[in-house]
Amino acid sequence: MIDAYLGELDRRLHGCGRFKADLLEEARDGLHDAADAYRAGGWSEEDAQRRAVADFGPAAVVARDYQAELGMLSGVRTLWKLVLGVPAMQIAWDYARILTFGEWTKLSTPTPEWYKVIAHATHGAVFVVPVIGLIALLGTRWLSRRLDAVRLARFCGGLIALAVGINLASVGLVIGSTGFVDVSRLFLSVPCVLLMIAWVLLSIRLVVLARRSWGGYATIVA
């Protein structure tokens, strides 16, 4: 009966395999400990497992809380990538540009005023994204004792979606506008090109992680 219950939990949960396995192992240990206690009290093996499962709660209810926890664990991992990865990419690209290309005055084409506005806005977004990430991390810790797991997961997921959206929009905007002004600016040096590709890949990865988190939240609601 315990194995059947754990199998149902497994089917209901979606998320990182390692985190999911840890939660199921925790449930397994709790169920077997409860069953052992009932057996020690004189219950048969079947009755002991039945009572342990009943005490643990309906699989649908337990899975809802576990799914929220899975979403939180995945969300925190995504937030750290936002907080550390996004500004690191910007700083690394700027240093690579200075060391391998030089100052912007070396550009062969004029820079339109509208492009300067976009450049400043996207540079600002690079630092807004980790700030949102830090707010989400600190807010999640502060609210962990005030909200249930489901509402806490939705709070975290909302901020992740906002931060990932801003980052993706800023990367797309700066690359698109740069290519429109002068395509050669996208290829200032080999290190700059490699870092630009890495930044795009990181942004795509963050979108995938955010979608997985939202998929988990949808499962909670369902």
Protein backbone atom coordinates (compact mmCIF):
# COMPACT_ATOMS: atom_id res chain seq x y z
CA MET A 1 0.00 0.00 0.00
CA ILE A 2 2.85 2.40 0.79
CA ASP A 3 4.48 1.69 -2.59
CA ALA A 4 1.18 2.31 -4.39
CA TYR A 5 0.73 5.59 -2.52
CA LEU A 6 4.27 6.73 -3.38
CA GLY A 7 3.66 5.76 -7.00
CA GLU A 8 0.61 8.00 -7.11
CA LEU A 9 2.60 10.86 -5.60
CA ASP A 10 5.32 10.30 -8.18
CA ARG A 11 2.81 10.52 -11.04
CA ARG A 12 1.33 13.74 -9.69
CA LEU A 13 4.63 15.59 -9.18
CA HIS A 14 6.51 17.46 -11.89
CA GLY A 15 9.86 19.17 -11.52
CA CYS A 16 13.59 18.65 -11.04
CA GLY A 17 14.28 14.92 -10.76
CA ARG A 18 16.72 15.30 -7.88
CA PHE A 19 14.40 17.48 -5.80
CA LYS A 20 11.47 15.22 -6.57
CA ALA A 21 13.41 12.12 -5.54
CA ASP A 22 14.37 13.79 -2.24
CA LEU A 23 10.72 14.60 -1.45
CA LEU A 24 9.57 11.08 -2.30
CA GLU A 25 12.34 9.59 -0.17
CA GLU A 26 11.28 11.83 2.71
CA ALA A 27 7.68 10.65 2.29
CA ARG A 28 8.81 7.02 2.11
CA ASP A 29 10.76 7.33 5.37
CA GLY A 30 7.82 8.98 7.13
CA LEU A 31 5.36 6.34 5.96
CA HIS A 32 7.57 3.44 6.95
CA ASP A 33 8.27 4.97 10.36
CA ALA A 34 4.53 5.36 10.95
CA ALA A 35 3.86 1.80 9.77
CA ASP A 36 6.60 0.49 12.09
CA ALA A 37 4.96 2.26 15.02
CA TYR A 38 1.59 0.69 14.23
CA ARG A 39 3.15 -2.77 13.87
CA ALA A 40 4.83 -2.31 17.24
CA GLY A 41 1.36 -1.57 18.64
CA GLY A 42 0.06 -4.93 17.45
CA TRP A 43 -1.44 -4.08 14.05
CA SER A 44 -0.95 -6.39 11.09
CA GLU A 45 1.33 -5.40 8.22
CA GLU A 46 -1.58 -4.49 5.94
CA ASP A 47 -3.45 -2.50 8.59
CA ALA A 48 -0.26 -0.78 9.71
CA GLN A 49 0.45 0.44 6.16
CA ARG A 50 -3.18 1.43 5.62
CA ARG A 51 -3.19 3.54 8.78
CA ALA A 52 0.18 5.10 7.94
CA VAL A 53 -1.10 6.14 4.50
CA ALA A 54 -4.34 7.47 5.99
CA ASP A 55 -2.41 9.53 8.55
CA PHE A 56 -0.14 10.95 5.85
CA GLY A 57 -3.11 12.39 3.97
CA PRO A 58 -4.79 12.07 0.55
CA ALA A 59 -2.25 11.88 -2.28
CA ALA A 60 -3.90 14.80 -4.10
CA VAL A 61 -3.54 17.10 -1.08
CA VAL A 62 0.01 16.02 -0.26
CA ALA A 63 1.04 16.31 -3.92
CA ARG A 64 -0.29 19.88 -4.00
CA ASP A 65 1.98 20.92 -1.16
CA TYR A 66 4.92 18.93 -2.50
CA GLN A 67 4.46 20.46 -5.94
CA ALA A 68 4.58 23.92 -4.41
CA GLU A 69 7.80 22.99 -2.66
CA LEU A 70 9.25 21.66 -5.92
CA GLY A 71 8.33 24.92 -7.63
CA MET A 72 10.03 26.88 -4.86
CA LEU A 73 13.23 24.83 -5.06
CA SER A 74 13.37 25.24 -8.83
CA GLY A 75 12.48 28.92 -8.51
CA VAL A 76 15.27 29.65 -6.04
CA ARG A 77 17.78 28.02 -8.37
CA THR A 78 16.53 30.21 -11.22
CA LEU A 79 16.69 33.32 -9.05
CA TRP A 80 20.35 32.76 -8.24
CA LYS A 81 21.10 32.46 -11.95
CA LEU A 82 19.35 35.80 -12.46
CA VAL A 83 21.10 37.51 -9.55
CA LEU A 84 24.59 36.30 -10.45
CA GLY A 85 24.53 35.36 -14.11
CA VAL A 86 22.94 38.40 -15.76
CA PRO A 87 25.20 41.13 -14.29
CA ALA A 88 28.23 38.85 -14.72
CA MET A 89 27.51 38.63 -18.45
CA GLN A 90 27.23 42.40 -18.79
CA ILE A 91 30.40 43.08 -16.81
CA ALA A 92 32.35 40.39 -18.69
CA TRP A 93 31.21 41.77 -22.06
CA ASP A 94 32.16 45.33 -21.13
CA TYR A 95 35.64 44.27 -20.01
CA ALA A 96 36.10 42.13 -23.11
CA ARG A 97 35.10 45.08 -25.30
CA ILE A 98 37.58 47.40 -23.53
CA LEU A 99 40.45 44.92 -23.64
CA THR A 100 39.95 43.58 -27.18
CA PHE A 101 38.38 46.51 -29.05
CA GLY A 102 38.80 49.72 -27.11
CA GLU A 103 36.68 52.80 -26.53
CA TRP A 104 33.41 53.47 -28.35
CA THR A 105 35.07 56.42 -30.10
CA LYS A 106 36.78 53.90 -32.40
CA LEU A 107 33.47 53.06 -34.06
CA SER A 108 33.39 53.94 -37.75
CA THR A 109 29.69 54.84 -37.88
CA PRO A 110 27.78 57.55 -35.98
CA THR A 111 25.57 56.58 -33.06
CA PRO A 112 21.97 57.85 -33.28
CA GLU A 113 20.49 59.47 -30.18
CA TRP A 114 17.65 56.95 -30.02
CA TYR A 115 20.20 54.15 -29.88
CA LYS A 116 21.90 55.79 -26.89
CA VAL A 117 18.55 55.84 -25.09
CA ILE A 118 18.07 52.12 -25.79
CA ALA A 119 21.63 51.33 -24.71
CA HIS A 120 21.16 53.16 -21.38
CA ALA A 121 17.82 51.46 -20.82
CA THR A 122 19.19 47.98 -21.48
CA HIS A 123 22.19 48.63 -19.24
CA GLY A 124 19.79 49.68 -16.51
CA ALA A 125 17.75 46.52 -17.03
CA VAL A 126 20.85 44.44 -16.39
CA PHE A 127 20.90 45.73 -12.82
CA VAL A 128 17.12 45.82 -12.38
CA VAL A 129 16.92 42.07 -13.06
CA PRO A 130 19.19 40.99 -10.15
CA VAL A 131 17.45 43.48 -7.86
CA ILE A 132 14.12 41.80 -8.64
CA GLY A 133 15.81 38.46 -8.03
CA LEU A 134 17.10 39.58 -4.64
CA ILE A 135 13.68 40.95 -3.71
CA ALA A 136 12.19 37.58 -4.61
CA LEU A 137 14.79 35.66 -2.57
CA LEU A 138 14.46 37.89 0.49
CA GLY A 139 10.70 38.15 0.13
CA THR A 140 10.36 34.39 -0.12
CA ARG A 141 12.35 33.94 3.08
CA TRP A 142 10.35 36.63 4.90
CA LEU A 143 6.98 35.35 3.69
CA SER A 144 7.76 31.67 4.30
CA ARG A 145 6.20 31.92 7.77
CA ARG A 146 3.27 34.03 6.63
CA LEU A 147 2.02 32.32 3.48
CA ASP A 148 1.27 28.71 2.67
CA ALA A 149 3.48 26.88 0.20
CA VAL A 150 1.17 27.41 -2.76
CA ARG A 151 0.82 31.19 -2.39
CA LEU A 152 4.54 31.50 -1.66
CA ALA A 153 5.37 29.57 -4.84
CA ARG A 154 3.08 31.85 -6.88
CA PHE A 155 4.74 34.95 -5.41
CA CYS A 156 8.17 33.62 -6.29
CA GLY A 157 7.04 32.55 -9.76
CA GLY A 158 5.55 35.94 -10.54
CA LEU A 159 8.81 37.75 -9.76
CA ILE A 160 10.82 35.18 -11.71
CA ALA A 161 8.60 35.72 -14.76
CA LEU A 162 9.01 39.50 -14.45
CA ALA A 163 12.81 39.33 -14.13
CA VAL A 164 13.22 36.79 -16.94
CA GLY A 165 10.93 38.82 -19.20
CA ILE A 166 12.89 42.04 -18.60
CA ASN A 167 16.20 40.29 -19.25
CA LEU A 168 14.97 38.64 -22.46
CA ALA A 169 13.45 41.88 -23.73
CA SER A 170 16.62 43.86 -23.00
CA VAL A 171 18.88 41.30 -24.71
CA GLY A 172 16.64 41.13 -27.75
CA LEU A 173 16.30 44.91 -27.92
CA VAL A 174 20.01 45.67 -27.67
CA ILE A 175 20.98 43.03 -30.24
CA GLY A 176 18.21 44.03 -32.64
CA SER A 177 18.85 47.77 -32.42
CA THR A 178 22.63 47.29 -32.69
CA GLY A 179 22.20 45.20 -35.81
CA PHE A 180 19.90 47.86 -37.27
CA VAL A 181 22.42 50.67 -36.64
CA ASP A 182 25.52 48.77 -37.74
CA VAL A 183 25.78 44.98 -37.92
CA SER A 184 29.56 45.13 -37.49
CA ARG A 185 29.04 46.34 -33.91
CA LEU A 186 27.83 42.86 -33.03
CA PHE A 187 31.26 41.52 -34.00
CA LEU A 188 33.68 43.87 -32.26
CA SER A 189 35.97 40.98 -31.28
CA VAL A 190 35.88 37.20 -30.89
CA PRO A 191 35.54 37.36 -27.07
CA CYS A 192 32.66 39.83 -27.41
CA VAL A 193 30.88 37.56 -29.88
CA LEU A 194 31.35 34.50 -27.66
CA LEU A 195 30.06 36.37 -24.61
CA MET A 196 27.08 37.68 -26.58
CA ILE A 197 26.21 34.12 -27.61
CA ALA A 198 26.64 32.95 -24.01
CA TRP A 199 24.32 35.72 -22.82
CA VAL A 200 21.66 34.74 -25.36
CA LEU A 201 21.94 31.08 -24.34
CA LEU A 202 21.68 32.03 -20.66
CA SER A 203 18.58 34.10 -21.41
CA ILE A 204 16.98 31.19 -23.25
CA ARG A 205 17.87 28.85 -20.40
CA LEU A 206 16.24 31.22 -17.92
CA VAL A 207 13.07 31.25 -20.02
CA VAL A 208 13.02 27.43 -20.00
CA LEU A 209 13.46 27.35 -16.21
CA ALA A 210 10.74 29.95 -15.75
CA ARG A 211 8.36 27.96 -17.97
CA ARG A 212 9.05 24.84 -15.92
CA SER A 213 8.23 26.74 -12.75
CA TRP A 214 4.97 28.03 -14.21
CA GLY A 215 4.17 24.50 -15.39
CA GLY A 216 4.54 23.38 -11.78
CA TYR A 217 2.26 26.17 -10.56
CA ALA A 218 -0.36 25.18 -13.14
CA THR A 219 -0.18 21.65 -11.77
CA ILE A 220 -0.81 23.00 -8.27
CA VAL A 221 -3.94 24.81 -9.43
CA ALA A 222 -5.15 21.73 -11.33
